[in-house]
C-alpha atoms as a PDB file:
ATOM      1  CA  MET A   1      -1.023  19.104 -22.944  1.00  0.00           C
ATOM      2  CA  ILE A   2      -1.246  18.938 -19.172  1.00  0.00           C
ATOM      3  CA  LYS A   3       0.484  15.685 -18.272  1.00  0.00           C
ATOM      4  CA  SER A   4      -1.583  15.410 -15.139  1.00  0.00           C
ATOM      5  CA  ARG A   5      -0.538  12.709 -12.728  1.00  0.00           C
ATOM      6  CA  ALA A   6      -4.234  12.288 -12.116  1.00  0.00           C
ATOM      7  CA  MET A   7      -4.567  11.155 -15.737  1.00  0.00           C
ATOM      8  CA  ARG A   8      -1.354   9.144 -15.761  1.00  0.00           C
ATOM      9  CA  THR A   9      -2.312   7.199 -12.653  1.00  0.00           C
ATOM     10  CA  LEU A  10      -6.060   7.123 -13.355  1.00  0.00           C
ATOM     11  CA  ARG A  11      -6.878   9.053 -10.212  1.00  0.00           C
ATOM     12  CA  ALA A  12     -10.348  10.617 -10.175  1.00  0.00           C
ATOM     13  CA  LEU A  13     -10.469  12.355  -6.816  1.00  0.00           C
ATOM     14  CA  PRO A  14     -11.358  16.069  -6.693  1.00  0.00           C
ATOM     15  CA  LEU A  15      -8.402  18.387  -6.194  1.00  0.00           C
ATOM     16  CA  PHE A  16      -9.486  19.496  -2.737  1.00  0.00           C
ATOM     17  CA  VAL A  17      -9.491  15.870  -1.598  1.00  0.00           C
ATOM     18  CA  LEU A  18      -6.014  15.366  -3.005  1.00  0.00           C
ATOM     19  CA  LEU A  19      -4.751  18.462  -1.255  1.00  0.00           C
ATOM     20  CA  THR A  20      -6.387  17.969   2.125  1.00  0.00           C
ATOM     21  CA  GLY A  21      -6.826  14.251   2.521  1.00  0.00           C
ATOM     22  CA  LEU A  22      -3.395  12.809   1.899  1.00  0.00           C
ATOM     23  CA  PRO A  23      -2.334  10.538   4.773  1.00  0.00           C
ATOM     24  CA  GLY A  24       0.742  11.541   6.679  1.00  0.00           C
ATOM     25  CA  MET A  25       0.808  15.076   5.298  1.00  0.00           C
ATOM     26  CA  GLY A  26       2.919  17.197   7.620  1.00  0.00           C
ATOM     27  CA  ALA A  27       2.007  20.750   8.478  1.00  0.00           C
ATOM     28  CA  GLU A  28       5.279  21.967   7.004  1.00  0.00           C
ATOM     29  CA  HIS A  29       4.236  20.604   3.590  1.00  0.00           C
ATOM     30  CA  THR A  30       0.682  21.915   3.436  1.00  0.00           C
ATOM     31  CA  PRO A  31      -0.492  23.415   0.126  1.00  0.00           C
ATOM     32  CA  PRO A  32      -1.364  27.117   0.249  1.00  0.00           C
ATOM     33  CA  ARG A  33      -4.983  28.085   0.699  1.00  0.00           C
ATOM     34  CA  VAL A  34      -6.798  28.357  -2.614  1.00  0.00           C
ATOM     35  CA  GLN A  35      -7.745  31.949  -3.443  1.00  0.00           C
ATOM     36  CA  PRO A  36      -9.281  33.504  -6.585  1.00  0.00           C
ATOM     37  CA  ALA A  37      -6.850  34.113  -9.419  1.00  0.00           C
ATOM     38  CA  THR A  38      -7.621  37.835  -9.348  1.00  0.00           C
ATOM     39  CA  THR A  39      -5.944  38.177  -5.941  1.00  0.00           C
ATOM     40  CA  PHE A  40      -2.506  37.528  -7.501  1.00  0.00           C
ATOM     41  CA  ALA A  41      -0.229  40.038  -9.209  1.00  0.00           C
ATOM     42  CA  ALA A  42       0.508  38.006 -12.348  1.00  0.00           C
ATOM     43  CA  VAL A  43      -2.989  37.355 -13.696  1.00  0.00           C
ATOM     44  CA  GLU A  44      -4.937  37.623 -16.926  1.00  0.00           C
ATOM     45  CA  VAL A  45      -8.704  38.024 -16.863  1.00  0.00           C
ATOM     46  CA  HIS A  46     -10.997  37.232 -19.780  1.00  0.00           C
ATOM     47  CA  ASP A  47     -14.200  39.064 -18.897  1.00  0.00           C
ATOM     48  CA  ASN A  48     -16.187  37.703 -21.828  1.00  0.00           C
ATOM     49  CA  GLU A  49     -15.292  34.118 -20.991  1.00  0.00           C
ATOM     50  CA  LYS A  50     -15.478  34.760 -17.229  1.00  0.00           C
ATOM     51  CA  VAL A  51     -12.164  33.033 -16.630  1.00  0.00           C
ATOM     52  CA  ALA A  52      -9.103  34.339 -14.784  1.00  0.00           C
ATOM     53  CA  ILE A  53      -5.744  32.569 -14.608  1.00  0.00           C
ATOM     54  CA  ALA A  54      -2.829  33.557 -12.389  1.00  0.00           C
ATOM     55  CA  ALA A  55       0.763  32.347 -12.106  1.00  0.00           C
ATOM     56  CA  GLU A  56       2.665  32.664  -8.836  1.00  0.00           C
ATOM     57  CA  PRO A  57       6.372  31.702  -8.988  1.00  0.00           C
ATOM     58  CA  TYR A  58       7.929  30.101  -5.910  1.00  0.00           C
ATOM     59  CA  ASP A  59      11.355  31.450  -6.790  1.00  0.00           C
ATOM     60  CA  THR A  60      12.903  32.007  -3.362  1.00  0.00           C
ATOM     61  CA  LYS A  61      14.243  29.674  -0.712  1.00  0.00           C
ATOM     62  CA  GLU A  62      11.645  30.997   1.717  1.00  0.00           C
ATOM     63  CA  LYS A  63       8.692  30.286  -0.556  1.00  0.00           C
ATOM     64  CA  ALA A  64      10.171  26.978  -1.708  1.00  0.00           C
ATOM     65  CA  SER A  65      10.347  25.797   1.925  1.00  0.00           C
ATOM     66  CA  LEU A  66       6.821  24.581   1.238  1.00  0.00           C
ATOM     67  CA  PHE A  67       8.406  21.649  -0.601  1.00  0.00           C
ATOM     68  CA  ARG A  68      10.748  18.877   0.449  1.00  0.00           C
ATOM     69  CA  VAL A  69      13.367  20.058  -2.071  1.00  0.00           C
ATOM     70  CA  ASP A  70      14.865  23.531  -2.574  1.00  0.00           C
ATOM     71  CA  TYR A  71      14.042  23.690  -6.283  1.00  0.00           C
ATOM     72  CA  PRO A  72      15.207  27.272  -6.950  1.00  0.00           C
ATOM     73  CA  ALA A  73      18.682  26.293  -5.753  1.00  0.00           C
ATOM     74  CA  HIS A  74      18.685  23.666  -8.506  1.00  0.00           C
ATOM     75  CA  GLY A  75      17.594  26.028 -11.263  1.00  0.00           C
ATOM     76  CA  VAL A  76      13.982  24.850 -11.184  1.00  0.00           C
ATOM     77  CA  ILE A  77      11.095  27.222 -10.470  1.00  0.00           C
ATOM     78  CA  PRO A  78       7.804  25.801  -9.197  1.00  0.00           C
ATOM     79  CA  ILE A  79       4.972  27.952 -10.536  1.00  0.00           C
ATOM     80  CA  ARG A  80       1.577  27.824  -8.912  1.00  0.00           C
ATOM     81  CA  LEU A  81      -1.216  27.870 -11.473  1.00  0.00           C
ATOM     82  CA  ILE A  82      -4.519  29.308 -10.236  1.00  0.00           C
ATOM     83  CA  VAL A  83      -7.602  28.962 -12.447  1.00  0.00           C
ATOM     84  CA  THR A  84     -10.865  30.705 -11.533  1.00  0.00           C
ATOM     85  CA  ASN A  85     -14.024  29.944 -13.504  1.00  0.00           C
ATOM     86  CA  ASP A  86     -16.711  32.540 -12.776  1.00  0.00           C
ATOM     87  CA  GLY A  87     -18.925  31.274 -15.577  1.00  0.00           C
ATOM     88  CA  ASP A  88     -21.945  28.996 -15.388  1.00  0.00           C
ATOM     89  CA  LYS A  89     -20.379  26.095 -17.290  1.00  0.00           C
ATOM     90  CA  PRO A  90     -17.229  24.029 -16.675  1.00  0.00           C
ATOM     91  CA  ILE A  91     -14.005  24.606 -18.588  1.00  0.00           C
ATOM     92  CA  SER A  92     -11.549  21.898 -19.558  1.00  0.00           C
ATOM     93  CA  LEU A  93      -7.764  21.906 -19.327  1.00  0.00           C
ATOM     94  CA  ARG A  94      -7.524  18.330 -20.555  1.00  0.00           C
ATOM     95  CA  ASP A  95      -5.811  19.389 -23.797  1.00  0.00           C
ATOM     96  CA  ALA A  96      -4.221  22.560 -22.450  1.00  0.00           C
ATOM     97  CA  ARG A  97      -0.677  23.545 -23.403  1.00  0.00           C
ATOM     98  CA  ILE A  98       1.087  25.464 -20.631  1.00  0.00           C
ATOM     99  CA  LEU A  99       4.500  26.811 -21.622  1.00  0.00           C
ATOM    100  CA  PHE A 100       7.087  29.019 -19.964  1.00  0.00           C
ATOM    101  CA  ILE A 101       8.086  31.555 -22.622  1.00  0.00           C
ATOM    102  CA  THR A 102      11.460  33.185 -21.929  1.00  0.00           C
ATOM    103  CA  ALA A 103      12.269  36.806 -22.690  1.00  0.00           C
ATOM    104  CA  ALA A 104      14.098  35.547 -25.791  1.00  0.00           C
ATOM    105  CA  GLY A 105      10.989  33.667 -26.930  1.00  0.00           C
ATOM    106  CA  ASP A 106      12.195  30.156 -26.107  1.00  0.00           C
ATOM    107  CA  LYS A 107       9.494  27.715 -25.017  1.00  0.00           C
ATOM    108  CA  ILE A 108       9.979  25.517 -21.959  1.00  0.00           C
ATOM    109  CA  GLN A 109       7.596  22.691 -21.174  1.00  0.00           C
ATOM    110  CA  ALA A 110       6.687  21.778 -17.625  1.00  0.00           C
ATOM    111  CA  ALA A 111       9.094  19.260 -16.113  1.00  0.00           C
ATOM    112  CA  GLU A 112       8.284  15.756 -14.974  1.00  0.00           C
ATOM    113  CA  PRO A 113       9.831  14.305 -11.787  1.00  0.00           C
ATOM    114  CA  GLU A 114      12.379  12.391 -13.839  1.00  0.00           C
ATOM    115  CA  ASP A 115      13.403  15.622 -15.599  1.00  0.00           C
ATOM    116  CA  VAL A 116      14.152  17.256 -12.247  1.00  0.00           C
ATOM    117  CA  GLU A 117      16.017  14.160 -11.085  1.00  0.00           C
ATOM    118  CA  ARG A 118      18.179  14.155 -14.230  1.00  0.00           C
ATOM    119  CA  LEU A 119      18.938  17.854 -13.809  1.00  0.00           C
ATOM    120  CA  MET A 120      20.103  17.352 -10.232  1.00  0.00           C
ATOM    121  CA  THR A 121      22.210  14.370 -11.200  1.00  0.00           C
ATOM    122  CA  ARG A 122      23.834  16.329 -14.019  1.00  0.00           C
ATOM    123  CA  LYS A 123      24.539  19.325 -11.819  1.00  0.00           C
ATOM    124  CA  GLU A 124      26.125  17.146  -9.150  1.00  0.00           C
ATOM    125  CA  ARG A 125      28.247  15.445 -11.805  1.00  0.00           C
ATOM    126  CA  GLU A 126      29.372  18.854 -13.074  1.00  0.00           C
ATOM    127  CA  GLY A 127      30.474  19.858  -9.606  1.00  0.00           C
ATOM    128  CA  GLY A 128      27.283  21.107  -8.041  1.00  0.00           C
ATOM    129  CA  LYS A 129      27.640  24.741  -9.062  1.00  0.00           C
ATOM    130  CA  ILE A 130      24.061  25.731  -9.690  1.00  0.00           C
ATOM    131  CA  PRO A 131      22.974  29.243 -10.688  1.00  0.00           C
ATOM    132  CA  LEU A 132      20.105  30.640  -8.687  1.00  0.00           C
ATOM    133  CA  PRO A 133      17.221  32.295 -10.528  1.00  0.00           C
ATOM    134  CA  GLY A 134      17.519  36.056 -10.534  1.00  0.00           C
ATOM    135  CA  GLY A 135      21.235  36.127 -11.291  1.00  0.00           C
ATOM    136  CA  LEU A 136      22.428  35.415  -7.766  1.00  0.00           C
ATOM    137  CA  PRO A 137      25.919  33.906  -7.394  1.00  0.00           C
ATOM    138  CA  SER A 138      26.289  30.202  -7.903  1.00  0.00           C
ATOM    139  CA  ILE A 139      26.488  28.036  -4.830  1.00  0.00           C
ATOM    140  CA  HIS A 140      28.082  24.694  -4.177  1.00  0.00           C
ATOM    141  CA  THR A 141      25.422  22.247  -3.201  1.00  0.00           C
ATOM    142  CA  LYS A 142      25.597  18.914  -1.481  1.00  0.00           C
ATOM    143  CA  PRO A 143      23.541  15.914  -2.553  1.00  0.00           C
ATOM    144  CA  LYS A 144      20.324  16.457  -0.694  1.00  0.00           C
ATOM    145  CA  ALA A 145      17.283  15.697  -2.833  1.00  0.00           C
ATOM    146  CA  SER A 146      16.201  12.098  -3.169  1.00  0.00           C
ATOM    147  CA  ASN A 147      14.057  10.800  -6.001  1.00  0.00           C
ATOM    148  CA  LYS A 148      11.472   9.906  -3.381  1.00  0.00           C
ATOM    149  CA  GLU A 149      11.246  13.490  -2.141  1.00  0.00           C
ATOM    150  CA  ILE A 150      10.751  14.807  -5.664  1.00  0.00           C
ATOM    151  CA  GLU A 151       8.063  12.216  -6.367  1.00  0.00           C
ATOM    152  CA  GLN A 152       6.315  13.089  -3.102  1.00  0.00           C
ATOM    153  CA  ASP A 153       6.302  16.788  -4.003  1.00  0.00           C
ATOM    154  CA  PHE A 154       4.844  16.114  -7.444  1.00  0.00           C
ATOM    155  CA  ASP A 155       2.248  13.721  -6.037  1.00  0.00           C
ATOM    156  CA  GLN A 156       1.145  16.227  -3.430  1.00  0.00           C
ATOM    157  CA  PHE A 157       1.442  19.598  -5.152  1.00  0.00           C
ATOM    158  CA  GLU A 158       1.203  19.146  -8.936  1.00  0.00           C
ATOM    159  CA  TYR A 159      -1.748  20.756 -10.702  1.00  0.00           C
ATOM    160  CA  GLN A 160      -4.390  18.034 -11.057  1.00  0.00           C
ATOM    161  CA  ALA A 161      -7.731  19.542 -12.087  1.00  0.00           C
ATOM    162  CA  LEU A 162      -8.505  18.761 -15.719  1.00  0.00           C
ATOM    163  CA  VAL A 163     -11.938  20.358 -15.323  1.00  0.00           C
ATOM    164  CA  VAL A 164     -12.740  23.554 -13.432  1.00  0.00           C
ATOM    165  CA  GLU A 165     -16.379  23.607 -12.439  1.00  0.00           C
ATOM    166  CA  PRO A 166     -18.513  26.785 -12.548  1.00  0.00           C
ATOM    167  CA  HIS A 167     -17.839  29.364  -9.831  1.00  0.00           C
ATOM    168  CA  THR A 168     -14.811  27.522  -8.467  1.00  0.00           C
ATOM    169  CA  THR A 169     -11.053  27.989  -8.310  1.00  0.00           C
ATOM    170  CA  GLN A 170      -8.490  25.222  -8.752  1.00  0.00           C
ATOM    171  CA  ALA A 171      -4.778  25.507  -8.056  1.00  0.00           C
ATOM    172  CA  GLY A 172      -1.616  23.461  -8.179  1.00  0.00           C
ATOM    173  CA  PHE A 173       2.032  23.597  -9.219  1.00  0.00           C
ATOM    174  CA  LEU A 174       4.016  23.096 -12.403  1.00  0.00           C
ATOM    175  CA  TRP A 175       7.831  22.922 -12.413  1.00  0.00           C
ATOM    176  CA  TYR A 176      10.059  24.546 -15.050  1.00  0.00           C
ATOM    177  CA  ASP A 177      13.773  23.990 -15.662  1.00  0.00           C
ATOM    178  CA  VAL A 178      15.285  27.465 -16.022  1.00  0.00           C
ATOM    179  CA  SER A 179      18.792  26.461 -15.002  1.00  0.00           C
ATOM    180  CA  ASP A 180      20.324  27.933 -18.169  1.00  0.00           C
ATOM    181  CA  LEU A 181      18.848  31.398 -17.568  1.00  0.00           C
ATOM    182  CA  ASP A 182      20.415  34.150 -15.460  1.00  0.00           C
ATOM    183  CA  HIS A 183      17.173  36.088 -14.961  1.00  0.00           C
ATOM    184  CA  PRO A 184      14.464  33.557 -15.818  1.00  0.00           C
ATOM    185  CA  LEU A 185      11.393  35.586 -14.819  1.00  0.00           C
ATOM    186  CA  ARG A 186      12.426  38.931 -16.273  1.00  0.00           C
ATOM    187  CA  GLY A 187      10.473  39.508 -19.478  1.00  0.00           C
ATOM    188  CA  ALA A 188       9.104  35.949 -19.375  1.00  0.00           C
ATOM    189  CA  LYS A 189       5.485  34.806 -19.621  1.00  0.00           C
ATOM    190  CA  LEU A 190       3.351  31.781 -18.886  1.00  0.00           C
ATOM    191  CA  HIS A 191       1.421  30.959 -22.039  1.00  0.00           C
ATOM    192  CA  LEU A 192      -1.721  28.816 -21.982  1.00  0.00           C
ATOM    193  CA  HIS A 193      -3.823  27.713 -24.923  1.00  0.00           C
ATOM    194  CA  LYS A 194      -6.220  24.938 -25.949  1.00  0.00           C
ATOM    195  CA  LEU A 195      -8.455  25.496 -22.945  1.00  0.00           C
ATOM    196  CA  ARG A 196     -12.028  24.630 -23.903  1.00  0.00           C
ATOM    197  CA  ASN A 197     -15.523  25.469 -22.707  1.00  0.00           C
ATOM    198  CA  ALA A 198     -18.343  22.986 -22.127  1.00  0.00           C
ATOM    199  CA  ASP A 199     -19.216  23.092 -25.845  1.00  0.00           C
ATOM    200  CA  GLY A 200     -15.685  22.114 -26.838  1.00  0.00           C
ATOM    201  CA  GLN A 201     -14.860  25.568 -28.173  1.00  0.00           C
ATOM    202  CA  GLU A 202     -11.318  26.773 -27.562  1.00  0.00           C
ATOM    203  CA  LEU A 203     -10.949  29.801 -25.301  1.00  0.00           C
ATOM    204  CA  PHE A 204      -8.761  32.716 -26.306  1.00  0.00           C
ATOM    205  CA  TYR A 205      -5.179  32.059 -25.194  1.00  0.00           C
ATOM    206  CA  PHE A 206      -3.814  33.359 -21.889  1.00  0.00           C
ATOM    207  CA  GLU A 207      -0.414  35.051 -21.638  1.00  0.00           C
ATOM    208  CA  ILE A 208       0.601  35.988 -18.098  1.00  0.00           C
ATOM    209  CA  PRO A 209       3.685  38.246 -17.757  1.00  0.00           C
ATOM    210  CA  PHE A 210       5.941  37.515 -14.807  1.00  0.00           C
ATOM    211  CA  ASP A 211       7.086  41.149 -14.786  1.00  0.00           C
ATOM    212  CA  ASN A 212       3.847  41.900 -12.924  1.00  0.00           C
ATOM    213  CA  TYR A 213       4.914  39.449 -10.224  1.00  0.00           C
ATOM    214  CA  LEU A 214       8.414  40.962 -10.072  1.00  0.00           C
ATOM    215  CA  LYS A 215       6.976  44.470  -9.696  1.00  0.00           C
ATOM    216  CA  SER A 216       4.719  43.293  -6.881  1.00  0.00           C
ATOM    217  CA  LYS A 217       7.635  41.497  -5.222  1.00  0.00           C
ATOM    218  CA  SER A 218       9.783  44.642  -5.457  1.00  0.00           C
ATOM    219  CA  THR A 219       7.005  46.742  -3.929  1.00  0.00           C
ATOM    220  CA  GLN A 220       6.652  44.345  -1.008  1.00  0.00           C
ATOM    221  CA  MET A 221      10.391  44.569  -0.300  1.00  0.00           C
ATOM    222  CA  ASN A 222      10.371  48.375  -0.194  1.00  0.00           C
END
């Protein structure tokens, strides 16, 4: 189930208000412009249901500069979820399950702020040697991420939209702890199920392979 902070804190504002109307939001921490899911490399389209869902990992220091914390350096990958509803009726993610499935088939649930805080505390206690996603050498980190910064990132960027209205796109981030994986995205997938249409019927599950993102990333580098 999406543990939306909107639900947990009883917020009812539309996502675009949350993303554009937060007081004191600095330009360096501005959410990316919302674009249709089909414009991303890692996407699955259900033509019959007129729904497309994309997953865009923020797995590099450059991309993660959007946030207040360098999550990839702590073994955490923020993944931007983009949901486009081209149908004529709303779809609900209120009961949705969104899991990171590793190449080995292990299931990882999206992290909460306190999960990220515990991970950082544990890593610092172990000496601060944190493996970077993609198999890069470990680095020695200094204490740098406060609980407040993590909470601010989740408040500002976390996926919030429990309902996606007809002919709209909603987007936001989920965070996954992949600190125990050397190559977390390789062969991995984002799996979504228990999405429902306006009649309460469950949509066919979505399974978005990150290999498509890695291929696109490799092409851009060449």
